[in-house]
Each structure stands twice: as C-alpha cells, then as structure tokens.
Amino acid sequence: MEMEKLNEYLQIAIDKMVFFLPKILLAGIILWVGFKIVKKLVQLLGVALEKSGFSETLRPFIGSTANIVLKGAVLFAIASVIGADLTGLVAILAAAGFAIGMALQGSLGNFASGILILSLKPYKIGDWIQLDDKFGRVEEIGIFSTDVLTPGNKILIIPNSMITESVVTNFSEKGRIRLELSVTMPYDESFPKVKQIIIDALLELPKVLQDPMPDVGIENFDSHNVQLLVRPYVEPDDYWTVIFESNMAIKKAFNANHIKVAYSEGVEMGVIGE
C-alpha cells in the first residue's frame, strides 16, 4: 500500500516536472534575454537624452525609471508564461499606487514641476532669478526643489510647484540686467543738467555697462521733489554691487555739483553732505 502511494506521488511529481520544466526553461530564457534587451534600451535612451540636451539631473532619473518599468514588464511576461494569476497582484498594485499617490500628493506636484523645469529650462544653474520677493542665484535644480543662494549668503530651498505656479523673473537670460534706481531732484533744478551729472557719475563705475548707455528719466512728481528713474545696465553677477556703488556715486556727484534736495519736513532746501 505504501509502495503504491509512493509511486503515485512520484508519478505526480514527474507529471508536474514535465508540465512546468519547459515553462521554467522558457521563463529563464525570457529573463536572461529580456534583461539584456532592457540594458541595451536604457543605454540607447541615455545617449538619445544626452544628444537632445536633457538636463544632467533629469537623465539618470529617466534612465532609472525606464529600467524599472521595462524589467517589471519582463517579470510580468515571465509570470504569464509560468501561468501565474496576475489579477490579484494587479489589483493590489493599483490600490497601493492610489494610496501612495494620495499620501504624496504635494510631493508628486513638486516632482511633476521638477520634470517640467528640467525639460523646459526656464532657468539654469548660475542664473539670477526672482520669485515674488525671493531673489538670488540658482545653485541647484532638483526633482523636488530648487536651491537659490541669496545675496545675503542664505540658501532658499523653493518647492518646484511654487515656481511653476508663479511668475519667475530670469535676470540672466539676456546676459545683462537693467537696474532701476530712484533719485530725487528739486523743482528749481535743471533736469538736463542733473541727468548729465548722473550719467557721468555712472559711467565712471567700471561695472556699469556703457552699451547700452544708462538711462535717466522723470518718473513722477511729488509735493517736494521731481522723482527720477535711473537705469544703468550691469552683468547679472554685479547686481547688488552696482546698486550700492551707483547710489554712492550719485550722492557724491550731487554734493560735488551742489545739487540740493527738499527735506520731507518742509520745502526748505538743504545741502547734501559727503
């Protein structure tokens, strides 16, 4: 009786081996060949992305994602060949994906924005940008955030979704920045005279560009002064330096040429000191 049972189990084992062995061998071949093909495709994708000018930050991420997706497809194909029921697994993966998506909704928004920024390149590392009241030089562009170094040597970590939803001013896109400085002059002073004094003072500064020339115009009038708008052009990296130097140079030039200003306490004219 025991011998019959043993023969029965042995026959079942042989039948299973005969049934599954070809599938296992085929699955092994698919696994080996499939992974080889995936490796080659990922390499070709990397070369194509590099030639098309994709960001160095984005290329490894796209390559890794493609690698995972393609290898997952190979494994699914192997499971189908073996005869595994994938319905339950697909349902579990779908539910898990939905739960993860809901939990990481904000992060996914930053991730999508990062992909857009790295693809469309509205700015690059080293550019001077302004977002609302945040101003600085781009230090790093990541998948989830952008690091900006302020003139005060502080790092701002700005979520990418905030950048794509706002107006970003890129001061480095055209290679030069136009400063806008406010200066006042008294009503009884000659505007052409004051304009020339300001331009001469600005052109003495080595970091102020002479092409295009600085521009000076009347912006507005108040109860005490004529408000002038002074607009010199500078290189992006000289932004803050030239603002301070320009204000100092204009004040010094006003003093040297005895240009007066009206103090806010009244209309009495007062001199400008050194």
Protein backbone atom coordinates (compact mmCIF):
# COMPACT_ATOMS: atom_id res chain seq x y z
CA MET A 1 0.00 0.00 0.00
CA GLU A 2 2.78 2.36 0.93
CA MET A 3 4.62 1.47 -2.26
CA GLU A 4 1.57 2.32 -4.32
CA LYS A 5 1.26 5.68 -2.58
CA LEU A 6 4.94 6.38 -3.18
CA ASN A 7 4.61 5.52 -6.85
CA GLU A 8 1.56 7.74 -7.12
CA TYR A 9 3.38 10.73 -5.59
CA LEU A 10 6.38 10.05 -7.78
CA GLN A 11 4.21 9.97 -10.87
CA ILE A 12 2.56 13.25 -9.84
CA ALA A 13 5.99 14.83 -9.34
CA ILE A 14 7.14 13.61 -12.75
CA ASP A 15 3.99 14.94 -14.40
CA LYS A 16 4.48 18.32 -12.73
CA MET A 17 8.10 18.44 -13.83
CA VAL A 18 7.17 17.52 -17.38
CA PHE A 19 4.48 20.20 -17.33
CA PHE A 20 6.48 23.01 -15.65
CA LEU A 21 10.05 22.32 -16.79
CA PRO A 22 9.58 23.73 -20.33
CA LYS A 23 7.86 26.78 -18.85
CA ILE A 24 10.64 27.29 -16.33
CA LEU A 25 13.28 26.96 -19.05
CA LEU A 26 11.35 29.39 -21.26
CA ALA A 27 10.98 31.78 -18.32
CA GLY A 28 14.73 31.63 -17.70
CA ILE A 29 15.45 32.39 -21.35
CA ILE A 30 12.99 35.30 -21.32
CA LEU A 31 14.57 36.62 -18.12
CA TRP A 32 18.11 36.47 -19.50
CA VAL A 33 17.29 37.83 -22.95
CA GLY A 34 14.79 40.37 -21.62
CA PHE A 35 17.22 41.90 -19.12
CA LYS A 36 19.90 42.08 -21.82
CA ILE A 37 17.49 43.93 -24.11
CA VAL A 38 16.39 46.24 -21.28
CA LYS A 39 20.02 47.13 -20.53
CA LYS A 40 20.67 47.96 -24.17
CA LEU A 41 17.47 50.02 -24.47
CA VAL A 42 18.32 52.02 -21.33
CA GLN A 43 21.79 52.74 -22.74
CA LEU A 44 20.29 53.90 -26.05
CA LEU A 45 17.79 56.06 -24.16
CA GLY A 46 20.62 57.69 -22.19
CA VAL A 47 22.51 58.51 -25.39
CA ALA A 48 19.34 59.91 -27.02
CA LEU A 49 18.59 62.09 -23.98
CA GLU A 50 22.15 63.40 -23.92
CA LYS A 51 22.07 64.29 -27.62
CA SER A 52 18.70 66.01 -27.23
CA GLY A 53 20.10 68.27 -24.49
CA PHE A 54 18.18 66.93 -21.49
CA SER A 55 19.35 68.10 -18.08
CA GLU A 56 22.11 66.10 -16.37
CA THR A 57 19.87 65.89 -13.32
CA LEU A 58 16.93 64.51 -15.28
CA ARG A 59 18.77 61.95 -17.44
CA PRO A 60 19.70 59.48 -14.66
CA PHE A 61 16.17 59.68 -13.24
CA ILE A 62 14.53 58.92 -16.61
CA GLY A 63 17.01 56.11 -17.21
CA SER A 64 16.32 54.53 -13.79
CA THR A 65 12.56 54.83 -14.25
CA ALA A 66 12.71 53.25 -17.70
CA ASN A 67 14.93 50.47 -16.34
CA ILE A 68 12.44 49.64 -13.56
CA VAL A 69 9.40 49.77 -15.84
CA LEU A 70 10.96 47.58 -18.55
CA LYS A 71 12.27 45.00 -16.08
CA GLY A 72 8.83 44.95 -14.46
CA ALA A 73 7.31 44.22 -17.87
CA VAL A 74 9.78 41.34 -18.34
CA LEU A 75 8.86 39.87 -14.95
CA PHE A 76 5.15 40.15 -15.75
CA ALA A 77 5.78 38.32 -19.03
CA ILE A 78 7.59 35.55 -17.14
CA ALA A 79 4.73 35.24 -14.65
CA SER A 80 2.29 34.91 -17.56
CA VAL A 81 4.41 32.20 -19.19
CA ILE A 82 4.55 30.22 -15.93
CA GLY A 83 0.78 30.55 -15.65
CA ALA A 84 0.51 32.67 -12.51
CA ASP A 85 -2.78 34.50 -11.89
CA LEU A 86 -1.89 38.21 -12.04
CA THR A 87 -5.38 39.59 -11.43
CA GLY A 88 -4.96 39.83 -7.68
CA LEU A 89 -1.44 41.25 -7.97
CA VAL A 90 -2.58 43.95 -10.40
CA ALA A 91 -5.42 44.93 -8.07
CA ILE A 92 -3.03 45.15 -5.09
CA LEU A 93 -0.55 47.25 -7.07
CA ALA A 94 -3.32 49.59 -8.26
CA ALA A 95 -4.62 50.08 -4.72
CA ALA A 96 -1.11 50.64 -3.37
CA GLY A 97 -0.37 53.15 -6.14
CA PHE A 98 -3.55 55.08 -5.38
CA ALA A 99 -2.78 55.17 -1.63
CA ILE A 100 0.79 56.30 -2.21
CA GLY A 101 -0.38 58.94 -4.68
CA MET A 102 -2.83 60.40 -2.17
CA ALA A 103 -0.25 60.38 0.62
CA LEU A 104 2.40 62.06 -1.55
CA GLN A 105 0.11 64.46 -3.40
CA GLY A 106 2.23 67.53 -2.60
CA SER A 107 5.49 65.75 -3.33
CA LEU A 108 4.14 64.45 -6.63
CA GLY A 109 3.20 68.01 -7.58
CA ASN A 110 6.76 69.13 -6.86
CA PHE A 111 8.05 66.12 -8.78
CA ALA A 112 5.95 66.93 -11.86
CA SER A 113 7.03 70.58 -11.66
CA GLY A 114 10.65 69.48 -11.41
CA ILE A 115 10.29 67.43 -14.59
CA LEU A 116 8.83 70.49 -16.36
CA ILE A 117 11.61 72.78 -15.12
CA LEU A 118 14.38 70.37 -16.09
CA SER A 119 12.78 69.77 -19.50
CA LEU A 120 11.76 73.32 -20.46
CA LYS A 121 14.76 75.00 -18.74
CA PRO A 122 13.27 78.41 -17.80
CA TYR A 123 16.50 78.95 -15.88
CA LYS A 124 19.77 77.09 -15.34
CA ILE A 125 22.37 76.79 -12.61
CA GLY A 126 24.14 80.14 -12.15
CA ASP A 127 21.19 82.26 -13.34
CA TRP A 128 19.88 85.12 -11.18
CA ILE A 129 16.14 84.75 -10.70
CA GLN A 130 13.39 86.42 -8.69
CA LEU A 131 10.24 84.69 -7.43
CA ASP A 132 7.87 87.09 -5.66
CA ASP A 133 10.19 88.75 -3.09
CA LYS A 134 12.81 85.97 -3.26
CA PHE A 135 15.92 86.88 -5.24
CA GLY A 136 19.16 85.01 -5.75
CA ARG A 137 21.39 82.83 -7.89
CA VAL A 138 20.34 79.28 -8.77
CA GLU A 139 22.70 76.82 -7.06
CA GLU A 140 20.96 73.51 -7.77
CA ILE A 141 17.90 72.31 -9.67
CA GLY A 142 16.47 69.13 -8.19
CA ILE A 143 13.49 66.93 -8.93
CA PHE A 144 11.50 68.30 -5.98
CA SER A 145 13.02 71.74 -5.25
CA THR A 146 15.37 74.46 -6.49
CA ASP A 147 18.16 75.85 -4.28
CA VAL A 148 18.74 79.60 -4.60
CA LEU A 149 21.64 81.48 -2.99
CA THR A 150 20.63 84.98 -1.87
CA PRO A 151 22.99 87.99 -1.86
CA GLY A 152 22.96 87.59 1.94
CA ASN A 153 24.60 84.14 1.50
CA LYS A 154 21.47 82.24 2.53
CA ILE A 155 20.17 79.16 0.70
CA LEU A 156 16.48 79.24 -0.19
CA ILE A 157 15.01 75.79 -0.86
CA ILE A 158 12.00 76.58 -3.05
CA PRO A 159 9.48 73.81 -3.89
CA ASN A 160 9.27 73.38 -7.65
CA SER A 161 5.46 73.55 -7.64
CA MET A 162 5.70 77.10 -6.26
CA ILE A 163 7.98 78.05 -9.15
CA THR A 164 5.76 76.65 -11.91
CA GLU A 165 2.68 78.32 -10.41
CA SER A 166 4.29 81.79 -10.16
CA VAL A 167 5.94 84.36 -12.39
CA VAL A 168 9.72 83.84 -12.37
CA THR A 169 11.97 86.69 -13.48
CA ASN A 170 15.22 85.45 -15.04
CA PHE A 171 17.76 88.27 -14.88
CA SER A 172 20.47 86.25 -16.64
CA GLU A 173 18.52 85.16 -19.73
CA LYS A 174 19.61 88.16 -21.84
CA GLY A 175 23.11 88.37 -20.36
CA ARG A 176 22.62 91.74 -18.64
CA ILE A 177 20.33 93.33 -16.07
CA ARG A 178 18.80 96.80 -16.09
CA LEU A 179 18.79 98.32 -12.61
CA GLU A 180 16.03 100.72 -11.59
CA LEU A 181 17.19 103.28 -9.04
CA SER A 182 15.04 106.07 -7.62
CA VAL A 183 16.61 109.53 -7.28
CA THR A 184 15.01 112.89 -6.45
CA MET A 185 15.85 116.43 -7.56
CA PRO A 186 14.32 119.82 -6.58
CA TYR A 187 11.82 121.53 -8.86
CA ASP A 188 14.03 124.55 -9.43
CA GLU A 189 16.95 122.44 -10.68
CA SER A 190 17.64 121.83 -14.38
CA PHE A 191 16.74 118.29 -15.38
CA PRO A 192 19.18 118.09 -18.35
CA LYS A 193 21.96 119.20 -16.01
CA VAL A 194 21.09 116.66 -13.32
CA LYS A 195 20.65 113.92 -15.92
CA GLN A 196 24.14 114.52 -17.31
CA ILE A 197 25.65 114.59 -13.82
CA ILE A 198 24.09 111.21 -13.03
CA ILE A 199 25.16 109.62 -16.32
CA ASP A 200 28.73 110.90 -15.96
CA ALA A 201 28.88 109.52 -12.41
CA LEU A 202 27.60 106.12 -13.51
CA LEU A 203 29.98 105.82 -16.45
CA GLU A 204 32.91 106.20 -14.08
CA LEU A 205 31.94 102.92 -12.42
CA PRO A 206 33.80 100.02 -14.09
CA LYS A 207 30.95 97.54 -13.63
CA VAL A 208 28.30 99.73 -15.27
CA LEU A 209 27.91 98.79 -18.93
CA GLN A 210 28.32 101.56 -21.50
CA ASP A 211 26.39 99.65 -24.16
CA PRO A 212 23.54 100.19 -23.77
CA MET A 213 24.07 103.54 -22.07
CA PRO A 214 22.48 104.31 -18.69
CA ASP A 215 19.09 105.94 -18.98
CA VAL A 216 17.69 108.71 -16.75
CA GLY A 217 14.11 109.96 -16.94
CA ILE A 218 11.44 111.74 -14.92
CA GLU A 219 9.21 109.13 -13.31
CA ASN A 220 6.85 111.20 -11.19
CA PHE A 221 6.27 114.42 -9.25
CA ASP A 222 5.56 114.77 -5.54
CA SER A 223 4.99 117.78 -3.26
CA HIS A 224 8.71 118.30 -2.63
CA ASN A 225 10.73 116.72 -5.45
CA VAL A 226 10.89 115.58 -9.01
CA GLN A 227 11.30 111.80 -8.88
CA LEU A 228 13.82 110.40 -11.33
CA LEU A 229 14.30 106.83 -12.53
CA VAL A 230 17.93 105.89 -13.15
CA ARG A 231 18.50 102.72 -15.20
CA PRO A 232 22.08 101.50 -15.74
CA TYR A 233 22.84 98.08 -17.22
CA VAL A 234 25.10 95.56 -15.46
CA GLU A 235 26.18 91.94 -15.63
CA PRO A 236 23.97 89.65 -13.52
CA ASP A 237 26.74 88.83 -11.01
CA ASP A 238 27.32 92.56 -10.36
CA TYR A 239 23.69 93.30 -9.49
CA TRP A 240 23.98 94.18 -5.81
CA THR A 241 27.49 95.63 -6.03
CA VAL A 242 26.47 98.14 -8.69
CA ILE A 243 23.32 99.17 -6.81
CA PHE A 244 25.39 100.26 -3.82
CA GLU A 245 28.17 101.80 -5.94
CA SER A 246 25.68 103.70 -8.11
CA ASN A 247 23.88 105.24 -5.15
CA MET A 248 27.21 106.27 -3.60
CA ALA A 249 28.46 107.72 -6.89
CA ILE A 250 25.24 109.72 -7.48
CA LYS A 251 25.29 111.13 -3.94
CA LYS A 252 28.94 112.14 -4.33
CA ALA A 253 28.24 113.75 -7.72
CA PHE A 254 25.29 115.71 -6.29
CA ASN A 255 27.49 117.00 -3.50
CA ALA A 256 30.28 117.99 -5.90
CA ASN A 257 27.82 119.86 -8.15
CA HIS A 258 25.85 121.46 -5.27
CA ILE A 259 22.57 119.80 -6.20
CA LYS A 260 20.04 120.42 -3.43
CA VAL A 261 17.11 118.31 -2.24
CA ALA A 262 13.89 119.11 -0.38
CA TYR A 263 13.53 117.52 3.04
CA SER A 264 10.22 115.90 3.91
CA GLU A 265 9.69 118.22 6.91
CA GLY A 266 9.09 121.17 4.61
CA VAL A 267 10.00 122.87 1.40
CA GLU A 268 13.20 124.43 2.68
CA MET A 269 16.15 123.42 0.51
CA GLY A 270 19.10 121.68 2.16
CA VAL A 271 22.56 120.70 1.00
CA ILE A 272 23.77 117.12 0.59
CA GLY A 273 26.80 116.15 2.62
CA GLU A 274 29.68 113.94 1.59
